[in-house]
Amino acid sequence: MKSTIVQVPFKEGLHARPASEITKLCQKFVSDIKFIKDTAEIDPKSILGILTLGASKGDKIQVEVVGEDEEEALNVIEEFFR
């Protein structure tokens, strides 16, 4: 398992456009991916899950990745949030 914490850099938070982009990125990986914010734990391969986080600019999200391509998946996710 690999994990990190990312910070939402987008002015409008994780609204529809960035949520759609991160969903498409996550769907490319076979690893199981979780985004955790406060008490919410979601699968970022689902756009509805991401939107339910209600993540605003500056919010921190814990990312956990487990699977054969976990290293690559985590790197791509970290790059997205830079």
C-alpha atoms as a PDB file:
ATOM      1  CA  MET A   1       0.000   0.000   0.000  1.00  0.00           C
ATOM      2  CA  LYS A   2       1.151   3.480  -0.866  1.00  0.00           C
ATOM      3  CA  SER A   3      -0.383   6.636   0.569  1.00  0.00           C
ATOM      4  CA  THR A   4       0.062  10.374   0.548  1.00  0.00           C
ATOM      5  CA  ILE A   5      -1.823  13.551   1.362  1.00  0.00           C
ATOM      6  CA  VAL A   6      -2.657  16.002  -1.401  1.00  0.00           C
ATOM      7  CA  GLN A   7      -4.072  19.503  -1.183  1.00  0.00           C
ATOM      8  CA  VAL A   8      -6.810  20.745  -3.524  1.00  0.00           C
ATOM      9  CA  PRO A   9      -5.243  23.538  -5.629  1.00  0.00           C
ATOM     10  CA  PHE A  10      -8.269  24.475  -7.720  1.00  0.00           C
ATOM     11  CA  LYS A  11      -9.931  27.848  -7.125  1.00  0.00           C
ATOM     12  CA  GLU A  12     -13.405  26.311  -7.271  1.00  0.00           C
ATOM     13  CA  GLY A  13     -12.419  23.141  -5.408  1.00  0.00           C
ATOM     14  CA  LEU A  14     -13.088  19.682  -6.840  1.00  0.00           C
ATOM     15  CA  HIS A  15     -16.019  20.719  -9.014  1.00  0.00           C
ATOM     16  CA  ALA A  16     -17.241  18.861 -12.133  1.00  0.00           C
ATOM     17  CA  ARG A  17     -14.324  19.504 -14.512  1.00  0.00           C
ATOM     18  CA  PRO A  18     -11.401  18.483 -12.256  1.00  0.00           C
ATOM     19  CA  ALA A  19     -13.531  15.678 -10.790  1.00  0.00           C
ATOM     20  CA  SER A  20     -14.076  14.326 -14.297  1.00  0.00           C
ATOM     21  CA  GLU A  21     -10.365  14.588 -15.094  1.00  0.00           C
ATOM     22  CA  ILE A  22      -9.183  12.792 -11.958  1.00  0.00           C
ATOM     23  CA  THR A  23     -11.835  10.092 -12.441  1.00  0.00           C
ATOM     24  CA  LYS A  24     -10.544   9.387 -15.955  1.00  0.00           C
ATOM     25  CA  LEU A  25      -6.963   9.235 -14.674  1.00  0.00           C
ATOM     26  CA  CYS A  26      -7.837   6.850 -11.837  1.00  0.00           C
ATOM     27  CA  GLN A  27      -9.839   4.544 -14.124  1.00  0.00           C
ATOM     28  CA  LYS A  28      -6.640   3.776 -16.072  1.00  0.00           C
ATOM     29  CA  PHE A  29      -5.197   1.864 -13.113  1.00  0.00           C
ATOM     30  CA  VAL A  30      -6.048  -1.619 -11.856  1.00  0.00           C
ATOM     31  CA  SER A  31      -5.061  -0.750  -8.283  1.00  0.00           C
ATOM     32  CA  ASP A  32      -7.715   0.011  -5.692  1.00  0.00           C
ATOM     33  CA  ILE A  33      -7.660   3.732  -4.927  1.00  0.00           C
ATOM     34  CA  LYS A  34      -9.309   5.561  -2.012  1.00  0.00           C
ATOM     35  CA  PHE A  35      -9.672   9.264  -1.319  1.00  0.00           C
ATOM     36  CA  ILE A  36     -10.319  10.066   2.346  1.00  0.00           C
ATOM     37  CA  LYS A  37     -11.432  13.480   3.604  1.00  0.00           C
ATOM     38  CA  ASP A  38     -12.599  13.888   7.188  1.00  0.00           C
ATOM     39  CA  THR A  39     -14.862  10.848   7.691  1.00  0.00           C
ATOM     40  CA  ALA A  40     -15.714  10.356   3.999  1.00  0.00           C
ATOM     41  CA  GLU A  41     -13.952   7.552   2.126  1.00  0.00           C
ATOM     42  CA  ILE A  42     -14.651   7.331  -1.606  1.00  0.00           C
ATOM     43  CA  ASP A  43     -13.564   5.547  -4.778  1.00  0.00           C
ATOM     44  CA  PRO A  44     -12.173   8.218  -7.135  1.00  0.00           C
ATOM     45  CA  LYS A  45     -13.009   6.024 -10.125  1.00  0.00           C
ATOM     46  CA  SER A  46     -16.559   7.328  -9.570  1.00  0.00           C
ATOM     47  CA  ILE A  47     -17.211  10.996 -10.338  1.00  0.00           C
ATOM     48  CA  LEU A  48     -20.167  10.985  -7.933  1.00  0.00           C
ATOM     49  CA  GLY A  49     -17.882   9.830  -5.148  1.00  0.00           C
ATOM     50  CA  ILE A  50     -15.488  12.688  -5.796  1.00  0.00           C
ATOM     51  CA  LEU A  51     -18.273  15.257  -5.920  1.00  0.00           C
ATOM     52  CA  THR A  52     -19.702  14.000  -2.600  1.00  0.00           C
ATOM     53  CA  LEU A  53     -16.402  14.846  -0.892  1.00  0.00           C
ATOM     54  CA  GLY A  54     -17.263  18.530  -1.231  1.00  0.00           C
ATOM     55  CA  ALA A  55     -13.552  19.344  -1.367  1.00  0.00           C
ATOM     56  CA  SER A  56     -12.763  23.064  -1.490  1.00  0.00           C
ATOM     57  CA  LYS A  57      -9.523  24.820  -2.379  1.00  0.00           C
ATOM     58  CA  GLY A  58      -6.917  24.092   0.282  1.00  0.00           C
ATOM     59  CA  ASP A  59      -8.647  20.988   1.649  1.00  0.00           C
ATOM     60  CA  LYS A  60      -6.390  18.013   2.304  1.00  0.00           C
ATOM     61  CA  ILE A  61      -7.253  14.580   0.943  1.00  0.00           C
ATOM     62  CA  GLN A  62      -5.540  11.367   1.985  1.00  0.00           C
ATOM     63  CA  VAL A  63      -4.890   9.090  -1.001  1.00  0.00           C
ATOM     64  CA  GLU A  64      -4.402   5.335  -0.519  1.00  0.00           C
ATOM     65  CA  VAL A  65      -3.469   3.023  -3.390  1.00  0.00           C
ATOM     66  CA  VAL A  66      -3.147  -0.771  -3.261  1.00  0.00           C
ATOM     67  CA  GLY A  67      -2.270  -2.963  -6.229  1.00  0.00           C
ATOM     68  CA  GLU A  68       0.208  -3.895  -8.898  1.00  0.00           C
ATOM     69  CA  ASP A  69       0.471  -0.391 -10.387  1.00  0.00           C
ATOM     70  CA  GLU A  70       0.175   1.520  -7.094  1.00  0.00           C
ATOM     71  CA  GLU A  71       3.445   3.431  -7.495  1.00  0.00           C
ATOM     72  CA  GLU A  72       2.521   4.796 -10.931  1.00  0.00           C
ATOM     73  CA  ALA A  73      -1.049   5.557  -9.842  1.00  0.00           C
ATOM     74  CA  LEU A  74       0.123   7.515  -6.811  1.00  0.00           C
ATOM     75  CA  ASN A  75       2.620   9.496  -8.902  1.00  0.00           C
ATOM     76  CA  VAL A  76      -0.064  10.440 -11.456  1.00  0.00           C
ATOM     77  CA  ILE A  77      -2.501  11.499  -8.717  1.00  0.00           C
ATOM     78  CA  GLU A  78       0.142  13.594  -6.941  1.00  0.00           C
ATOM     79  CA  GLU A  79       1.029  15.311 -10.221  1.00  0.00           C
ATOM     80  CA  PHE A  80      -2.653  16.085 -10.886  1.00  0.00           C
ATOM     81  CA  PHE A  81      -2.959  17.930  -7.572  1.00  0.00           C
ATOM     82  CA  ARG A  82       0.197  20.051  -8.085  1.00  0.00           C
END
